[in-house]
Amino acid sequence: MALTDILSSIDAEIATLTQARALLAAGTAVTVAKRKAGRPPKVTASSPIASPQKKKRVLSPEGRARIAAAAKKRWAAKKKAAAK
């Protein structure tokens, strides 16, 4: 292949790609909507995508007391280690 043939095929490819880019750039300006900044809106309950609400779990007073006692024990051990 001669140098002129290579250059002409490269020029043809550049022209094709430039034309394709122009078509794509013109299409995106019209069809693609710009996303808004921030958190997307919540899905409403009337939407078919929404899943049923799960029941909220409740912590018993005994369970709450056990968690509080464990936290106090943990902090006491941490304070004792820091005092050394």
N, C-alpha and C. Protein backbone atom coordinates (compact mmCIF):
# COMPACT_ATOMS: atom_id res chain seq x y z
N MET A 1 0.85 -1.17 0.00
CA MET A 1 0.00 0.00 0.00
C MET A 1 0.90 1.24 0.00
N ALA A 2 0.56 2.17 -0.83
CA ALA A 2 1.37 3.37 -0.94
C ALA A 2 0.99 4.35 0.16
N LEU A 3 1.87 5.27 0.42
CA LEU A 3 1.66 6.27 1.47
C LEU A 3 0.43 7.12 1.18
N THR A 4 0.18 7.45 -0.06
CA THR A 4 -0.99 8.27 -0.42
C THR A 4 -2.28 7.51 -0.16
N ASP A 5 -2.27 6.18 -0.40
CA ASP A 5 -3.46 5.38 -0.13
C ASP A 5 -3.77 5.33 1.36
N ILE A 6 -2.73 5.18 2.17
CA ILE A 6 -2.91 5.16 3.63
C ILE A 6 -3.46 6.49 4.13
N LEU A 7 -2.90 7.59 3.63
CA LEU A 7 -3.36 8.91 4.05
C LEU A 7 -4.81 9.16 3.62
N SER A 8 -5.16 8.71 2.42
CA SER A 8 -6.54 8.92 1.95
C SER A 8 -7.53 8.09 2.77
N SER A 9 -7.14 6.86 3.16
CA SER A 9 -8.04 6.04 3.98
C SER A 9 -8.19 6.63 5.38
N ILE A 10 -7.11 7.19 5.93
CA ILE A 10 -7.19 7.85 7.23
C ILE A 10 -8.08 9.07 7.16
N ASP A 11 -7.94 9.87 6.09
CA ASP A 11 -8.80 11.06 5.92
C ASP A 11 -10.27 10.66 5.80
N ALA A 12 -10.55 9.57 5.09
CA ALA A 12 -11.93 9.11 4.94
C ALA A 12 -12.48 8.67 6.29
N GLU A 13 -11.67 7.98 7.08
CA GLU A 13 -12.09 7.54 8.41
C GLU A 13 -12.35 8.72 9.33
N ILE A 14 -11.49 9.73 9.27
CA ILE A 14 -11.68 10.94 10.08
C ILE A 14 -12.97 11.64 9.69
N ALA A 15 -13.25 11.72 8.40
CA ALA A 15 -14.48 12.37 7.94
C ALA A 15 -15.70 11.61 8.43
N THR A 16 -15.64 10.29 8.39
CA THR A 16 -16.77 9.48 8.85
C THR A 16 -16.99 9.66 10.35
N LEU A 17 -15.90 9.63 11.12
CA LEU A 17 -16.02 9.80 12.57
C LEU A 17 -16.49 11.20 12.94
N THR A 18 -16.04 12.20 12.22
CA THR A 18 -16.48 13.58 12.48
C THR A 18 -17.98 13.72 12.22
N GLN A 19 -18.44 13.09 11.16
CA GLN A 19 -19.87 13.16 10.84
C GLN A 19 -20.69 12.42 11.90
N ALA A 20 -20.20 11.25 12.33
CA ALA A 20 -20.91 10.49 13.36
C ALA A 20 -20.95 11.27 14.67
N ARG A 21 -19.86 11.93 15.02
CA ARG A 21 -19.81 12.73 16.25
C ARG A 21 -20.80 13.88 16.19
N ALA A 22 -20.88 14.54 15.03
CA ALA A 22 -21.81 15.66 14.87
C ALA A 22 -23.25 15.18 15.03
N LEU A 23 -23.58 14.02 14.48
CA LEU A 23 -24.93 13.49 14.63
C LEU A 23 -25.25 13.14 16.08
N LEU A 24 -24.29 12.53 16.75
CA LEU A 24 -24.51 12.18 18.16
C LEU A 24 -24.61 13.41 19.04
N ALA A 25 -23.78 14.40 18.81
CA ALA A 25 -23.80 15.62 19.62
C ALA A 25 -25.11 16.36 19.42
N ALA A 26 -25.64 16.37 18.22
CA ALA A 26 -26.92 17.05 17.96
C ALA A 26 -28.06 16.31 18.64
N GLY A 27 -27.99 14.99 18.68
CA GLY A 27 -29.05 14.19 19.30
C GLY A 27 -29.05 14.29 20.81
N THR A 28 -27.88 14.36 21.44
CA THR A 28 -27.83 14.41 22.89
C THR A 28 -28.31 15.74 23.44
N ALA A 29 -28.13 16.79 22.72
CA ALA A 29 -28.55 18.11 23.20
C ALA A 29 -30.06 18.18 23.30
N VAL A 30 -30.77 17.43 22.47
CA VAL A 30 -32.22 17.50 22.44
C VAL A 30 -32.86 16.41 23.29
N THR A 31 -32.34 15.18 23.22
CA THR A 31 -33.05 14.06 23.83
C THR A 31 -32.66 13.77 25.28
N VAL A 32 -31.46 14.06 25.68
CA VAL A 32 -31.02 13.70 27.02
C VAL A 32 -31.29 14.86 27.98
N ALA A 33 -32.08 14.58 29.01
CA ALA A 33 -32.40 15.59 30.00
C ALA A 33 -31.27 15.66 31.02
N LYS A 34 -30.96 16.85 31.47
CA LYS A 34 -29.89 17.04 32.44
C LYS A 34 -30.41 16.67 33.83
N ARG A 35 -29.62 15.88 34.58
CA ARG A 35 -30.01 15.49 35.92
C ARG A 35 -29.87 16.66 36.88
N LYS A 36 -30.80 16.73 37.80
CA LYS A 36 -30.74 17.76 38.82
C LYS A 36 -29.76 17.34 39.91
N ALA A 37 -29.17 18.30 40.57
CA ALA A 37 -28.25 18.02 41.66
C ALA A 37 -29.06 17.62 42.89
N GLY A 38 -28.48 16.79 43.73
CA GLY A 38 -29.12 16.44 44.98
C GLY A 38 -29.73 15.06 44.96
N ARG A 39 -30.40 14.75 46.04
CA ARG A 39 -30.98 13.43 46.23
C ARG A 39 -32.22 13.28 45.35
N PRO A 40 -32.41 12.11 44.70
CA PRO A 40 -33.60 11.92 43.89
C PRO A 40 -34.85 11.86 44.76
N PRO A 41 -36.00 12.21 44.20
CA PRO A 41 -37.23 12.20 45.00
C PRO A 41 -37.62 10.79 45.42
N LYS A 42 -38.37 10.70 46.53
CA LYS A 42 -38.83 9.41 47.04
C LYS A 42 -39.83 8.79 46.06
N VAL A 43 -39.89 7.46 46.05
CA VAL A 43 -40.87 6.76 45.24
C VAL A 43 -42.18 6.80 46.01
N THR A 44 -43.26 7.20 45.34
CA THR A 44 -44.55 7.32 46.01
C THR A 44 -45.18 5.95 46.20
N ALA A 45 -46.13 5.86 47.12
CA ALA A 45 -46.80 4.60 47.43
C ALA A 45 -47.64 4.13 46.25
N SER A 46 -48.11 5.03 45.39
CA SER A 46 -48.95 4.65 44.27
C SER A 46 -48.14 4.01 43.15
N SER A 47 -46.82 4.09 43.25
CA SER A 47 -45.96 3.51 42.23
C SER A 47 -45.96 1.99 42.35
N PRO A 48 -45.99 1.26 41.23
CA PRO A 48 -45.99 -0.20 41.30
C PRO A 48 -44.65 -0.77 41.77
N ILE A 49 -43.59 0.05 41.74
CA ILE A 49 -42.26 -0.40 42.13
C ILE A 49 -42.13 -0.48 43.65
N ALA A 50 -42.90 0.32 44.37
CA ALA A 50 -42.77 0.42 45.82
C ALA A 50 -43.06 -0.92 46.49
N SER A 51 -42.23 -1.32 47.45
CA SER A 51 -42.43 -2.57 48.16
C SER A 51 -43.28 -2.30 49.40
N PRO A 52 -43.93 -3.33 49.93
CA PRO A 52 -44.75 -3.12 51.13
C PRO A 52 -43.87 -2.73 52.31
N GLN A 53 -44.41 -1.90 53.19
CA GLN A 53 -43.67 -1.42 54.35
C GLN A 53 -43.47 -2.56 55.34
N LYS A 54 -42.24 -2.69 55.85
CA LYS A 54 -41.96 -3.70 56.86
C LYS A 54 -42.38 -3.17 58.22
N LYS A 55 -42.79 -4.07 59.11
CA LYS A 55 -43.20 -3.68 60.44
C LYS A 55 -41.98 -3.24 61.24
N LYS A 56 -42.11 -2.13 61.97
CA LYS A 56 -41.00 -1.61 62.76
C LYS A 56 -40.77 -2.51 63.97
N ARG A 57 -39.48 -2.81 64.22
CA ARG A 57 -39.14 -3.67 65.34
C ARG A 57 -39.12 -2.86 66.63
N VAL A 58 -39.58 -3.49 67.70
CA VAL A 58 -39.67 -2.82 69.00
C VAL A 58 -38.71 -3.52 69.96
N LEU A 59 -37.98 -2.72 70.74
CA LEU A 59 -37.04 -3.25 71.72
C LEU A 59 -37.73 -3.26 73.08
N SER A 60 -37.68 -4.41 73.73
CA SER A 60 -38.32 -4.54 75.04
C SER A 60 -37.51 -3.77 76.09
N PRO A 61 -38.14 -3.39 77.19
CA PRO A 61 -37.40 -2.70 78.27
C PRO A 61 -36.25 -3.55 78.82
N GLU A 62 -36.43 -4.87 78.89
CA GLU A 62 -35.36 -5.73 79.37
C GLU A 62 -34.17 -5.71 78.40
N GLY A 63 -34.46 -5.76 77.12
CA GLY A 63 -33.40 -5.72 76.12
C GLY A 63 -32.66 -4.40 76.15
N ARG A 64 -33.43 -3.32 76.33
CA ARG A 64 -32.82 -1.98 76.41
C ARG A 64 -31.90 -1.90 77.63
N ALA A 65 -32.33 -2.48 78.77
CA ALA A 65 -31.53 -2.46 80.00
C ALA A 65 -30.25 -3.27 79.82
N ARG A 66 -30.35 -4.42 79.12
CA ARG A 66 -29.15 -5.23 78.88
C ARG A 66 -28.15 -4.49 77.99
N ILE A 67 -28.63 -3.80 76.99
CA ILE A 67 -27.74 -3.03 76.11
C ILE A 67 -27.08 -1.90 76.89
N ALA A 68 -27.86 -1.20 77.75
CA ALA A 68 -27.30 -0.11 78.55
C ALA A 68 -26.24 -0.63 79.52
N ALA A 69 -26.50 -1.79 80.13
CA ALA A 69 -25.52 -2.37 81.06
C ALA A 69 -24.23 -2.76 80.33
N ALA A 70 -24.36 -3.33 79.15
CA ALA A 70 -23.19 -3.72 78.37
C ALA A 70 -22.38 -2.49 77.95
N ALA A 71 -23.08 -1.41 77.59
CA ALA A 71 -22.39 -0.18 77.20
C ALA A 71 -21.65 0.43 78.39
N LYS A 72 -22.29 0.43 79.55
CA LYS A 72 -21.64 0.97 80.75
C LYS A 72 -20.41 0.15 81.11
N LYS A 73 -20.51 -1.17 80.99
CA LYS A 73 -19.38 -2.05 81.27
C LYS A 73 -18.24 -1.78 80.29
N ARG A 74 -18.58 -1.63 79.03
CA ARG A 74 -17.57 -1.37 78.01
C ARG A 74 -16.87 -0.04 78.26
N TRP A 75 -17.62 1.00 78.60
CA TRP A 75 -17.02 2.31 78.86
C TRP A 75 -16.18 2.30 80.13
N ALA A 76 -16.62 1.54 81.13
CA ALA A 76 -15.85 1.44 82.37
C ALA A 76 -14.51 0.77 82.10
N ALA A 77 -14.50 -0.26 81.27
CA ALA A 77 -13.25 -0.94 80.93
C ALA A 77 -12.35 0.01 80.14
N LYS A 78 -12.92 0.78 79.26
CA LYS A 78 -12.13 1.73 78.45
C LYS A 78 -11.54 2.83 79.35
N LYS A 79 -12.33 3.32 80.32
CA LYS A 79 -11.85 4.34 81.25
C LYS A 79 -10.73 3.80 82.12
N LYS A 80 -10.89 2.55 82.58
CA LYS A 80 -9.88 1.92 83.43
C LYS A 80 -8.57 1.74 82.65
N ALA A 81 -8.65 1.36 81.38
CA ALA A 81 -7.47 1.18 80.55
C ALA A 81 -6.79 2.52 80.28
N ALA A 82 -7.57 3.57 80.14
CA ALA A 82 -7.01 4.91 79.86
C ALA A 82 -6.34 5.49 81.10
N ALA A 83 -6.83 5.11 82.29
CA ALA A 83 -6.26 5.64 83.54
C ALA A 83 -4.89 5.05 83.84
N LYS A 84 -4.59 3.88 83.30
CA LYS A 84 -3.29 3.23 83.56
C LYS A 84 -2.16 3.93 82.89
